[in-house]
Protein backbone atom coordinates (compact mmCIF):
# COMPACT_ATOMS: atom_id res chain seq x y z
CA UNK A 1 -33.16 33.71 38.27
CA UNK A 2 -30.10 35.45 39.60
CA UNK A 3 -28.19 37.72 37.23
CA UNK A 4 -24.80 39.37 37.17
CA UNK A 5 -26.06 42.51 38.91
CA UNK A 6 -27.50 40.42 41.74
CA UNK A 7 -24.05 38.99 42.36
CA UNK A 8 -22.63 42.47 42.85
CA UNK A 9 -24.49 42.44 46.15
CA UNK A 10 -25.71 39.65 48.42
CA UNK A 11 -27.32 37.32 45.90
CA UNK A 12 -28.15 34.71 48.52
CA UNK A 13 -30.32 37.26 50.33
CA UNK A 14 -32.89 36.63 47.60
CA UNK A 15 -32.88 32.93 48.44
CA UNK A 16 -33.21 33.70 52.15
CA UNK A 17 -36.11 36.07 51.47
CA UNK A 18 -38.17 33.08 50.35
CA UNK A 19 -38.42 32.17 54.04
CA UNK A 20 -39.78 35.62 54.87
CA UNK A 21 -42.35 36.38 52.17
CA UNK A 22 -44.96 34.08 50.64
CA UNK A 23 -44.93 36.32 47.56
CA UNK A 24 -41.30 35.45 46.76
CA UNK A 25 -40.06 32.01 45.74
CA UNK A 26 -36.40 31.25 45.07
CA UNK A 27 -35.49 28.00 46.84
CA UNK A 28 -31.85 28.15 45.74
CA UNK A 29 -29.46 29.75 43.25
CA UNK A 30 -30.53 27.00 40.84
CA UNK A 31 -33.66 24.88 41.10
CA UNK A 32 -36.54 23.37 39.13
CA UNK A 33 -40.30 23.36 39.41
CA UNK A 34 -43.19 21.50 37.83
CA UNK A 35 -46.38 23.11 36.54
CA UNK A 36 -49.53 21.17 35.64
CA UNK A 37 -51.14 21.70 32.22
CA UNK A 38 -54.82 21.48 31.32
CA UNK A 39 -54.67 17.77 30.46
CA UNK A 40 -52.88 16.90 33.68
CA UNK A 41 -49.46 16.55 32.08
CA UNK A 42 -46.46 18.39 33.49
CA UNK A 43 -44.16 21.10 32.22
CA UNK A 44 -40.78 21.25 33.91
CA UNK A 45 -38.84 24.50 34.33
CA UNK A 46 -35.15 24.54 35.25
CA UNK A 47 -33.74 27.79 36.62
CA UNK A 48 -30.00 28.43 36.43
CA UNK A 49 -27.56 30.85 38.00
CA UNK A 50 -25.50 31.46 34.87
CA UNK A 51 -23.22 34.13 36.33
CA UNK A 52 -20.74 31.64 37.86
CA UNK A 53 -20.43 29.86 34.51
CA UNK A 54 -19.39 32.97 32.58
CA UNK A 55 -15.67 33.69 32.80
CA UNK A 56 -16.00 37.47 32.58
CA UNK A 57 -17.91 37.45 35.86
CA UNK A 58 -15.13 35.81 37.88
CA UNK A 59 -14.17 39.16 39.40
CA UNK A 60 -17.73 39.71 40.64
CA UNK A 61 -18.06 36.41 42.45
CA UNK A 62 -14.64 35.61 43.82
CA UNK A 63 -15.57 32.21 45.23
CA UNK A 64 -15.77 30.72 41.73
CA UNK A 65 -12.70 30.01 39.66
CA UNK A 66 -12.74 31.71 36.25
CA UNK A 67 -14.05 29.37 33.57
CA UNK A 68 -14.53 26.36 35.86
CA UNK A 69 -18.11 26.04 34.62
CA UNK A 70 -19.53 25.70 38.15
CA UNK A 71 -19.39 21.91 37.99
CA UNK A 72 -21.94 21.27 40.75
CA UNK A 73 -24.62 23.26 38.95
CA UNK A 74 -23.91 21.65 35.59
CA UNK A 75 -24.04 18.17 37.12
CA UNK A 76 -27.33 19.06 38.79
CA UNK A 77 -28.78 20.30 35.50
CA UNK A 78 -27.83 17.17 33.59
CA UNK A 79 -29.22 14.90 36.28
CA UNK A 80 -32.45 16.91 36.53
CA UNK A 81 -32.98 16.95 32.77
CA UNK A 82 -32.22 13.24 32.49
CA UNK A 83 -34.72 12.44 35.24
CA UNK A 84 -37.49 14.58 33.76
CA UNK A 85 -40.27 12.77 31.92
CA UNK A 86 -42.13 15.99 31.10
CA UNK A 87 -43.08 16.66 27.51
CA UNK A 88 -42.20 20.32 27.96
CA UNK A 89 -38.74 21.10 29.33
CA UNK A 90 -37.81 24.79 29.54
CA UNK A 91 -34.52 26.13 30.90
CA UNK A 92 -34.21 29.69 32.21
CA UNK A 93 -30.99 31.61 32.81
CA UNK A 94 -29.91 35.23 32.91
CA UNK A 95 -27.23 35.06 30.22
CA UNK A 96 -28.08 34.07 26.64
CA UNK A 97 -26.75 31.01 24.88
CA UNK A 98 -27.30 32.57 21.45
CA UNK A 99 -28.09 36.25 20.90
CA UNK A 100 -27.11 39.34 18.96
CA UNK A 101 -26.74 42.69 20.63
CA UNK A 102 -24.92 44.51 23.37
CA UNK A 103 -23.58 41.29 24.90
CA UNK A 104 -24.18 38.75 22.12
CA UNK A 105 -23.90 34.99 22.54
CA UNK A 106 -22.14 33.48 25.55
CA UNK A 107 -19.30 31.11 24.55
CA UNK A 108 -19.29 29.26 27.89
CA UNK A 109 -23.01 28.51 27.59
CA UNK A 110 -22.63 27.44 23.97
CA UNK A 111 -19.95 24.99 25.12
CA UNK A 112 -21.54 23.77 28.34
CA UNK A 113 -25.32 24.32 28.19
CA UNK A 114 -26.26 23.92 24.51
CA UNK A 115 -25.22 20.22 24.39
CA UNK A 116 -27.43 19.46 27.40
CA UNK A 117 -30.42 21.25 25.87
CA UNK A 118 -30.10 19.18 22.72
CA UNK A 119 -29.30 15.88 24.44
CA UNK A 120 -32.37 16.02 26.67
CA UNK A 121 -34.88 17.47 24.18
CA UNK A 122 -35.39 20.84 25.83
CA UNK A 123 -37.91 22.97 23.95
CA UNK A 124 -36.72 26.45 24.86
CA UNK A 125 -34.11 28.47 26.72
CA UNK A 126 -35.25 31.84 28.13
CA UNK A 127 -32.88 34.62 29.12
CA UNK A 128 -32.35 38.34 29.64
CA UNK A 129 -28.99 40.18 29.86
CA UNK A 130 -29.11 41.56 26.30
CA UNK A 131 -31.32 44.67 26.41
CA UNK A 132 -33.55 43.70 23.49
CA UNK A 133 -36.06 41.09 22.29
CA UNK A 134 -35.05 38.04 20.23
CA UNK A 135 -36.31 34.68 18.98
CA UNK A 136 -33.57 32.43 17.61
CA UNK A 137 -33.78 28.74 16.69
CA UNK A 138 -30.63 26.60 16.61
CA UNK A 139 -30.84 22.83 16.08
CA UNK A 140 -34.51 22.84 17.03
CA UNK A 141 -34.04 24.68 20.35
CA UNK A 142 -35.87 27.99 20.74
CA UNK A 143 -33.72 30.71 22.33
CA UNK A 144 -35.84 33.59 23.62
CA UNK A 145 -34.30 36.83 24.88
CA UNK A 146 -36.44 39.25 26.87
CA UNK A 147 -34.25 41.99 28.28
CA UNK A 148 -35.89 45.14 26.96
CA UNK A 149 -37.60 46.24 30.14
CA UNK A 150 -35.08 49.04 30.60
CA UNK A 151 -32.55 50.89 28.45
CA UNK A 152 -33.10 48.88 25.23
CA UNK A 153 -30.04 48.63 23.02
CA UNK A 154 -29.43 47.81 19.34
CA UNK A 155 -29.73 44.24 18.16
CA UNK A 156 -29.43 42.43 14.85
CA UNK A 157 -29.57 38.95 13.37
CA UNK A 158 -27.44 35.83 13.54
CA UNK A 159 -27.97 32.42 11.97
CA UNK A 160 -31.33 31.16 13.17
CA UNK A 161 -32.84 34.55 14.02
CA UNK A 162 -36.60 34.68 13.47
CA UNK A 163 -37.18 37.99 15.23
CA UNK A 164 -35.16 40.75 16.86
CA UNK A 165 -36.18 44.17 18.11
CA UNK A 166 -34.74 47.03 20.13
CA UNK A 167 -38.20 48.25 21.13
CA UNK A 168 -38.87 48.32 24.87
CA UNK A 169 -41.15 45.45 25.79
CA UNK A 170 -41.44 41.95 27.20
CA UNK A 171 -42.08 38.31 26.35
CA UNK A 172 -45.39 36.56 27.05
CA UNK A 173 -45.51 32.78 26.74
CA UNK A 174 -48.32 30.32 27.40
CA UNK A 175 -48.23 26.53 27.34
CA UNK A 176 -50.90 24.05 26.33
CA UNK A 177 -50.44 20.28 26.10
CA UNK A 178 -49.46 20.57 22.42
CA UNK A 179 -48.24 24.14 21.83
CA UNK A 180 -46.28 27.02 23.29
CA UNK A 181 -47.59 30.39 22.14
CA UNK A 182 -45.07 33.20 22.40
CA UNK A 183 -45.56 36.92 21.88
CA UNK A 184 -43.29 39.90 22.24
CA UNK A 185 -45.32 42.86 23.50
CA UNK A 186 -44.20 46.48 23.31
CA UNK A 187 -44.21 48.83 26.29
CA UNK A 188 -47.48 50.36 25.04
CA UNK A 189 -49.17 46.98 24.73
CA UNK A 190 -48.86 46.39 20.99
CA UNK A 191 -47.93 42.99 19.60
CA UNK A 192 -44.50 43.07 17.96
CA UNK A 193 -44.23 39.38 17.06
CA UNK A 194 -46.05 36.10 17.67
CA UNK A 195 -45.14 32.48 17.04
CA UNK A 196 -46.42 29.04 17.95
CA UNK A 197 -43.99 26.31 18.93
CA UNK A 198 -45.41 22.84 18.43
CA UNK A 199 -44.37 20.08 20.78
CA UNK A 200 -42.27 17.53 18.91
CA UNK A 201 -42.69 13.85 19.79
């Protein structure tokens, strides 16, 4: 997904590069894709460009009005989630909905994205932006922050925090028809935290 630093340059060049390299796939600033699981069922992933939604970024991307919520993208997300019949729905964006750390939670996403995640039974929201590792659960939605690939910064806990770490590392997640196994792995390959998310009917 595109992040705030991408928008400081030509973010759409990354979309255009999809036409040049078979190793790169970004069909648009926001898009979705379907992946097939072992039993033939589908998992749907919805990728957002959260930078236009966040008011503090209005100076970076001057073609969006501050705080307008990027209506076209939000309408697309609601329509895509409503149309999805997948058992697993996972939304990915650069900015966190809920987090603790150098940037913390994002009020615009709490107001605009959280209700959609809950209304359409999304399992998890994945993000970066905060330079740490976090697993937070709010109203049954799993919020996973993996932003500790460079310059990790202090974190802490908020309501719903199951795990938080300032260690450099990354998130590994795997899906089966019934479970999502998540693990935060340190830069030297050690397991920092594991959890299993069971698919709810």
